[in-house]
Amino acid sequence: MDYSTREVVECGSATIINCLPEIGHETAVEEIIDGLTSQPKRISSKFFYDKKGSGLFEKITALEEYYPSRTEKAILQSLPLCAITDCSDVDIVELGSGDHSKITLLLEKVPAASLPGVRYFPVDISRPALEASIKELTCMFPGLAVQGIVADYIHQMHLVPGDRKKLYCFLGSTVGNLDREEAMAFVHDISETMNPGDGFLIGFDRIKEVRILETAYNDAQGLTAQFNRNILNVVNGLIESDFNPEDFGHRAFYDRECQRIEMHLEAMTDVCVKTPFTQEDILISKGERIHTENSHKFDEEDIRMIAGNAGLVVKNIFSDEREWFSLVQYGKC
């Protein structure tokens, strides 16, 4: 992949390639305005992760109520890396990398003699989060070759390097943020870039008791509420609007029919939002909601259906004892 025409930033011993300008600020503005002027209103969950949002989410993952992160990490700690990939001359591509705590658990399993042959490509839409993660990771693994890519991996899969054996990692059940059709299309797009011998390790949050699911997204400390409201600060920066996050309440609940947690921001009063990108103010009535995130939950039938649709095979399903969470190893047919 030729990155010579793109912005390259030095990050310690690593480099970061900024590919977001290929999509451009204008596209982000159009997407946000379209969502806020639709019925019902929506903001894509990818806009959660500015520096403050990433920091809040890191705190959320440490909460007692938020089981996905600690459950997934426990699975990663017990995962036999040799069953996932041969560590010699492999590119590990982590999509939506965020903080490095999970990929660290995998990298610690790489034999020291094999580390020089491993290249790590973290891909994330948040440059600050990527920079912070890479700086810490290169200190922990000084022999590891790292090249970060700032990109929207949903729309920029062509930016992923393709000249060596690859292990894609899509952790944290981030696939659950996509609609079912989007998830199948995304995994299919990944499959199209894979060669025989490549691997794909993907996290799925499993269907479970509603009380457990809803408590995870309505924590007692209110961190998830802060995280949800902060998306309006990100939007203010992008479309020069004047949202007051305190005008909105956090709502998160499980939809049994769709098998997903939904997160919304509910207007606590009538709200009038000004932005230079619309001819008229954006009016939000008291009680009206802005949909900010879905978090779909999956059973084994879903996991196998997604694989089959993408021309992939399920090689392994690694789960905790309660089967609350699964890491699934997909392979190319």
Protein backbone atom coordinates (compact mmCIF):
# COMPACT_ATOMS: atom_id res chain seq x y z
CA MET A 1 0.00 0.00 0.00
CA ASP A 2 1.45 3.37 -1.04
CA TYR A 3 0.97 5.95 1.71
CA SER A 4 3.34 8.52 0.17
CA THR A 5 0.61 11.06 -0.65
CA ARG A 6 -0.93 11.01 2.84
CA GLU A 7 -0.04 12.81 6.05
CA VAL A 8 2.58 10.88 8.00
CA VAL A 9 3.11 11.65 11.71
CA GLU A 10 6.01 10.33 13.76
CA CYS A 11 4.90 8.75 17.04
CA GLY A 12 8.00 7.71 18.93
CA SER A 13 9.51 4.79 17.05
CA ALA A 14 6.25 4.27 15.13
CA THR A 15 4.42 6.20 12.44
CA ILE A 16 0.78 7.18 11.98
CA ILE A 17 -0.77 7.59 8.55
CA ASN A 18 -3.72 10.00 8.54
CA CYS A 19 -6.17 8.81 5.89
CA LEU A 20 -9.29 10.59 7.15
CA PRO A 21 -8.81 13.58 4.80
CA GLU A 22 -9.69 11.18 1.98
CA ILE A 23 -13.20 11.08 3.41
CA GLY A 24 -13.05 14.70 4.46
CA HIS A 25 -14.71 16.97 6.98
CA GLU A 26 -17.49 17.72 4.53
CA THR A 27 -18.63 14.09 4.50
CA ALA A 28 -18.75 13.98 8.30
CA VAL A 29 -20.79 17.19 8.38
CA GLU A 30 -23.23 15.85 5.79
CA GLU A 31 -23.69 12.63 7.75
CA ILE A 32 -24.37 14.48 11.02
CA ILE A 33 -26.77 17.02 9.47
CA ASP A 34 -28.64 14.24 7.67
CA GLY A 35 -29.06 12.36 10.93
CA LEU A 36 -30.21 15.39 12.93
CA THR A 37 -32.78 16.41 10.33
CA SER A 38 -34.21 12.90 9.92
CA GLN A 39 -37.07 11.31 11.84
CA PRO A 40 -36.18 9.76 14.17
CA LYS A 41 -32.99 11.72 14.75
CA ARG A 42 -29.66 9.92 14.96
CA ILE A 43 -25.91 10.44 15.40
CA SER A 44 -23.48 7.69 14.42
CA SER A 45 -21.73 6.03 17.35
CA LYS A 46 -18.36 6.52 15.59
CA PHE A 47 -18.49 10.16 16.75
CA PHE A 48 -18.28 9.11 20.43
CA TYR A 49 -14.51 8.82 20.41
CA ASP A 50 -12.78 12.14 20.76
CA LYS A 51 -10.13 12.37 23.48
CA LYS A 52 -12.69 12.86 26.27
CA GLY A 53 -14.99 10.16 24.91
CA SER A 54 -12.17 7.64 24.65
CA GLY A 55 -11.14 8.42 28.22
CA LEU A 56 -14.69 7.98 29.50
CA PHE A 57 -15.09 4.69 27.68
CA GLU A 58 -11.85 3.40 29.19
CA LYS A 59 -13.31 4.15 32.64
CA ILE A 60 -16.57 2.43 31.69
CA THR A 61 -14.73 -0.77 30.79
CA ALA A 62 -13.43 -0.96 34.37
CA LEU A 63 -16.89 -0.75 35.95
CA GLU A 64 -18.34 -3.73 37.77
CA GLU A 65 -21.57 -3.44 35.76
CA TYR A 66 -19.81 -3.46 32.41
CA TYR A 67 -19.07 -7.17 31.95
CA PRO A 68 -18.01 -7.25 28.23
CA SER A 69 -14.46 -5.94 28.61
CA ARG A 70 -13.39 -8.01 31.60
CA THR A 71 -15.05 -11.14 30.18
CA GLU A 72 -13.37 -10.71 26.82
CA LYS A 73 -10.01 -10.05 28.45
CA ALA A 74 -10.32 -13.23 30.49
CA ILE A 75 -10.92 -15.15 27.25
CA LEU A 76 -7.93 -13.46 25.61
CA GLN A 77 -5.70 -14.35 28.54
CA SER A 78 -6.51 -18.02 28.16
CA LEU A 79 -6.46 -18.00 24.35
CA PRO A 80 -3.80 -20.19 22.70
CA LEU A 81 -2.30 -17.82 20.14
CA CYS A 82 -0.81 -20.74 18.22
CA ALA A 83 -4.38 -21.84 17.48
CA ILE A 84 -5.12 -18.45 15.92
CA THR A 85 -2.05 -17.70 13.84
CA ASP A 86 1.52 -18.66 13.13
CA CYS A 87 3.45 -15.76 14.64
CA SER A 88 6.18 -15.75 12.00
CA ASP A 89 5.90 -12.87 9.48
CA VAL A 90 2.33 -11.84 10.23
CA ASP A 91 0.54 -8.49 10.08
CA ILE A 92 -1.87 -8.01 12.97
CA VAL A 93 -4.52 -5.51 11.88
CA GLU A 94 -6.72 -4.26 14.73
CA LEU A 95 -9.83 -2.41 13.58
CA GLY A 96 -11.21 0.19 15.99
CA SER A 97 -8.17 -0.31 18.17
CA GLY A 98 -8.94 2.27 20.88
CA ASP A 99 -6.79 1.53 23.93
CA HIS A 100 -4.16 -1.21 23.73
CA SER A 101 -5.21 -3.29 26.74
CA LYS A 102 -6.72 -6.15 24.73
CA ILE A 103 -4.19 -6.42 21.92
CA THR A 104 -1.48 -6.38 24.60
CA LEU A 105 -2.84 -9.69 25.90
CA LEU A 106 -2.29 -11.19 22.45
CA LEU A 107 1.10 -9.62 21.84
CA GLU A 108 2.37 -10.92 25.18
CA LYS A 109 1.85 -14.43 23.79
CA VAL A 110 4.16 -13.84 20.82
CA PRO A 111 7.55 -15.53 21.45
CA ALA A 112 10.36 -12.99 21.77
CA ALA A 113 12.18 -14.57 18.84
CA SER A 114 9.13 -14.09 16.61
CA LEU A 115 8.36 -10.48 17.57
CA PRO A 116 10.66 -8.89 14.93
CA GLY A 117 8.60 -10.64 12.25
CA VAL A 118 5.30 -9.19 13.53
CA ARG A 119 3.88 -5.91 12.24
CA TYR A 120 1.00 -4.28 14.09
CA PHE A 121 -1.44 -1.99 12.27
CA PRO A 122 -3.93 -0.33 14.66
CA VAL A 123 -6.76 1.38 12.73
CA ASP A 124 -8.96 3.92 14.48
CA ILE A 125 -10.95 7.04 13.65
CA SER A 126 -9.55 8.90 16.70
CA ARG A 127 -6.01 10.15 16.17
CA PRO A 128 -5.48 11.19 19.85
CA ALA A 129 -6.54 7.74 21.07
CA LEU A 130 -4.29 6.10 18.48
CA GLU A 131 -1.27 8.23 19.42
CA ALA A 132 -1.67 7.55 23.15
CA SER A 133 -2.06 3.82 22.58
CA ILE A 134 0.91 3.53 20.23
CA LYS A 135 3.27 5.44 22.53
CA GLU A 136 2.53 3.08 25.42
CA LEU A 137 2.59 -0.04 23.26
CA THR A 138 5.97 0.68 21.66
CA CYS A 139 7.45 1.11 25.14
CA MET A 140 6.07 -2.26 26.18
CA PHE A 141 7.23 -4.04 23.00
CA PRO A 142 10.33 -2.18 21.76
CA GLY A 143 10.97 -4.74 19.00
CA LEU A 144 7.48 -4.45 17.53
CA ALA A 145 6.99 -2.66 14.20
CA VAL A 146 3.91 -0.42 14.51
CA GLN A 147 2.16 1.68 11.89
CA GLY A 148 -1.07 3.37 12.93
CA ILE A 149 -3.76 4.26 10.44
CA VAL A 150 -6.27 7.02 11.19
CA ALA A 151 -9.28 5.98 9.13
CA ASP A 152 -12.95 5.07 9.09
CA TYR A 153 -12.40 1.36 8.56
CA ILE A 154 -16.05 0.83 7.58
CA HIS A 155 -15.47 2.87 4.42
CA GLN A 156 -11.70 2.63 3.98
CA MET A 157 -10.89 -1.07 4.04
CA HIS A 158 -8.75 -0.56 0.93
CA LEU A 159 -6.17 1.13 3.14
CA VAL A 160 -5.28 -2.04 5.02
CA PRO A 161 -1.92 -3.49 3.89
CA GLY A 162 -2.24 -6.66 1.88
CA ASP A 163 1.23 -7.98 1.05
CA ARG A 164 1.68 -10.45 3.95
CA LYS A 165 -0.27 -12.96 5.99
CA LYS A 166 -2.83 -11.13 8.12
CA LEU A 167 -4.67 -11.59 11.37
CA TYR A 168 -7.58 -9.17 11.60
CA CYS A 169 -8.78 -8.36 15.11
CA PHE A 170 -12.17 -6.74 15.68
CA LEU A 171 -12.56 -6.90 19.44
CA GLY A 172 -14.96 -5.54 22.03
CA SER A 173 -18.13 -6.65 20.20
CA THR A 174 -17.87 -3.47 18.13
CA VAL A 175 -19.58 -5.44 15.38
CA GLY A 176 -22.70 -5.12 17.53
CA ASN A 177 -22.80 -1.37 16.83
CA LEU A 178 -23.66 -2.15 13.22
CA ASP A 179 -27.10 -3.10 11.96
CA ARG A 180 -27.41 -6.76 11.00
CA GLU A 181 -27.14 -5.98 7.30
CA GLU A 182 -24.20 -3.65 7.91
CA ALA A 183 -22.44 -6.28 10.03
CA MET A 184 -22.80 -8.90 7.32
CA ALA A 185 -21.58 -6.44 4.66
CA PHE A 186 -18.62 -5.41 6.82
CA VAL A 187 -17.48 -8.99 7.49
CA HIS A 188 -17.95 -9.73 3.78
CA ASP A 189 -15.69 -6.76 2.94
CA ILE A 190 -13.04 -8.10 5.32
CA SER A 191 -13.33 -11.52 3.70
CA GLU A 192 -12.71 -9.97 0.27
CA THR A 193 -9.29 -8.74 1.45
CA MET A 194 -8.31 -12.09 3.03
CA ASN A 195 -6.21 -14.81 1.48
CA PRO A 196 -6.07 -18.50 2.42
CA GLY A 197 -4.15 -18.69 5.70
CA ASP A 198 -5.34 -15.29 6.93
CA GLY A 199 -7.38 -15.14 10.12
CA PHE A 200 -10.11 -12.97 11.59
CA LEU A 201 -10.65 -12.79 15.37
CA ILE A 202 -13.93 -11.07 16.20
CA GLY A 203 -15.77 -10.44 19.46
CA PHE A 204 -19.50 -11.11 19.91
CA ASP A 205 -21.54 -10.16 22.97
CA ARG A 206 -24.02 -12.99 23.54
CA ILE A 207 -27.75 -12.83 24.30
CA LYS A 208 -28.41 -13.05 28.03
CA GLU A 209 -30.71 -11.91 30.83
CA VAL A 210 -32.15 -8.44 30.14
CA ARG A 211 -31.36 -7.18 33.64
CA ILE A 212 -27.65 -7.87 33.11
CA LEU A 213 -27.66 -6.19 29.72
CA GLU A 214 -29.47 -3.04 30.81
CA THR A 215 -27.41 -2.63 34.00
CA ALA A 216 -24.22 -2.66 31.90
CA TYR A 217 -25.40 0.44 30.01
CA ASN A 218 -26.92 2.27 33.00
CA ASP A 219 -24.08 2.26 35.53
CA ALA A 220 -24.55 3.66 39.02
CA GLN A 221 -21.76 6.24 38.60
CA GLY A 222 -23.37 7.72 35.50
CA LEU A 223 -20.23 7.33 33.36
CA THR A 224 -22.18 5.88 30.44
CA ALA A 225 -24.53 8.87 30.62
CA GLN A 226 -21.54 11.24 30.46
CA PHE A 227 -20.13 9.25 27.55
CA ASN A 228 -23.44 9.41 25.71
CA ARG A 229 -23.87 13.16 26.24
CA ASN A 230 -20.27 13.87 25.18
CA ILE A 231 -21.14 12.96 21.59
CA LEU A 232 -22.88 16.34 21.43
CA ASN A 233 -19.58 18.07 22.24
CA VAL A 234 -17.99 16.21 19.34
CA VAL A 235 -20.86 17.25 17.07
CA ASN A 236 -20.48 20.88 18.20
CA GLY A 237 -16.86 20.79 17.07
CA LEU A 238 -17.70 19.31 13.68
CA ILE A 239 -20.79 21.28 12.64
CA GLU A 240 -20.15 24.43 14.77
CA SER A 241 -23.44 23.89 16.62
CA ASP A 242 -24.44 24.98 20.11
CA PHE A 243 -25.79 21.82 21.73
CA ASN A 244 -25.86 21.90 25.52
CA PRO A 245 -25.34 18.26 26.57
CA GLU A 246 -27.07 18.94 29.90
CA ASP A 247 -30.33 19.49 28.02
CA PHE A 248 -30.45 15.75 27.35
CA GLY A 249 -31.01 12.65 29.44
CA HIS A 250 -29.37 9.27 28.88
CA ARG A 251 -31.67 6.42 27.89
CA ALA A 252 -30.48 2.83 27.35
CA PHE A 253 -32.75 -0.22 27.09
CA TYR A 254 -32.93 -3.67 25.51
CA ASP A 255 -35.12 -4.28 22.46
CA ARG A 256 -35.99 -8.00 22.55
CA GLU A 257 -37.26 -8.14 18.97
CA CYS A 258 -34.09 -6.61 17.51
CA GLN A 259 -31.82 -8.33 20.08
CA ARG A 260 -30.00 -5.11 20.90
CA ILE A 261 -29.35 -2.46 23.48
CA GLU A 262 -30.32 0.96 22.17
CA MET A 263 -28.81 4.19 23.48
CA HIS A 264 -30.58 7.51 23.03
CA LEU A 265 -30.34 11.10 24.19
CA GLU A 266 -33.74 12.42 25.25
CA ALA A 267 -34.43 16.16 25.23
CA MET A 268 -35.41 17.31 28.73
CA THR A 269 -36.76 20.57 27.32
CA ASP A 270 -37.50 22.06 23.92
CA VAL A 271 -34.14 22.59 22.21
CA CYS A 272 -33.21 24.92 19.35
CA VAL A 273 -29.80 24.16 17.82
CA LYS A 274 -27.99 26.61 15.59
CA THR A 275 -25.41 25.59 12.98
CA PRO A 276 -24.13 27.39 9.87
CA PHE A 277 -24.63 24.19 7.87
CA THR A 278 -28.45 24.40 7.85
CA GLN A 279 -30.70 27.20 6.61
CA GLU A 280 -33.02 26.74 9.58
CA ASP A 281 -32.35 25.93 13.22
CA ILE A 282 -32.65 22.28 14.24
CA LEU A 283 -35.66 21.97 16.55
CA ILE A 284 -35.89 19.12 19.06
CA SER A 285 -39.03 18.84 21.14
CA LYS A 286 -39.08 17.90 24.81
CA GLY A 287 -39.17 14.10 25.03
CA GLU A 288 -37.78 13.63 21.51
CA ARG A 289 -34.82 11.29 21.24
CA ILE A 290 -31.59 11.18 19.28
CA HIS A 291 -30.48 7.61 18.63
CA THR A 292 -26.73 7.35 19.31
CA GLU A 293 -25.89 3.66 19.44
CA ASN A 294 -27.04 0.09 18.95
CA SER A 295 -25.30 -2.82 20.62
CA HIS A 296 -26.59 -6.04 19.08
CA LYS A 297 -26.34 -9.33 20.92
CA PHE A 298 -25.71 -12.63 19.14
CA ASP A 299 -26.34 -16.34 19.43
CA GLU A 300 -24.36 -19.11 17.72
CA GLU A 301 -26.73 -19.21 14.77
CA ASP A 302 -26.01 -15.50 14.12
CA ILE A 303 -22.26 -16.10 14.35
CA ARG A 304 -22.35 -18.91 11.80
CA MET A 305 -24.74 -17.08 9.47
CA ILE A 306 -22.45 -14.04 9.32
CA ALA A 307 -19.51 -16.30 8.46
CA GLY A 308 -21.39 -18.19 5.76
CA ASN A 309 -22.62 -14.98 4.14
CA ALA A 310 -19.00 -13.76 3.89
CA GLY A 311 -17.59 -17.02 2.53
CA LEU A 312 -15.76 -17.68 5.80
CA VAL A 313 -15.69 -20.69 8.09
CA VAL A 314 -15.96 -20.77 11.88
CA LYS A 315 -12.75 -22.39 13.09
CA ASN A 316 -13.19 -21.85 16.83
CA ILE A 317 -15.61 -20.22 19.27
CA PHE A 318 -13.87 -19.26 22.52
CA SER A 319 -16.36 -18.37 25.28
CA ASP A 320 -16.43 -17.85 29.04
CA GLU A 321 -18.14 -20.47 31.22
CA ARG A 322 -21.43 -18.55 31.31
CA GLU A 323 -21.29 -17.91 27.54
CA TRP A 324 -21.79 -14.20 28.09
CA PHE A 325 -19.17 -13.33 25.47
CA SER A 326 -17.41 -15.12 22.61
CA LEU A 327 -14.25 -14.55 20.62
CA VAL A 328 -14.71 -16.23 17.26
CA GLN A 329 -11.98 -17.31 14.89
CA TYR A 330 -13.05 -17.00 11.27
CA GLY A 331 -10.95 -18.42 8.46
CA LYS A 332 -10.96 -18.11 4.67
CA CYS A 333 -12.49 -21.04 2.80
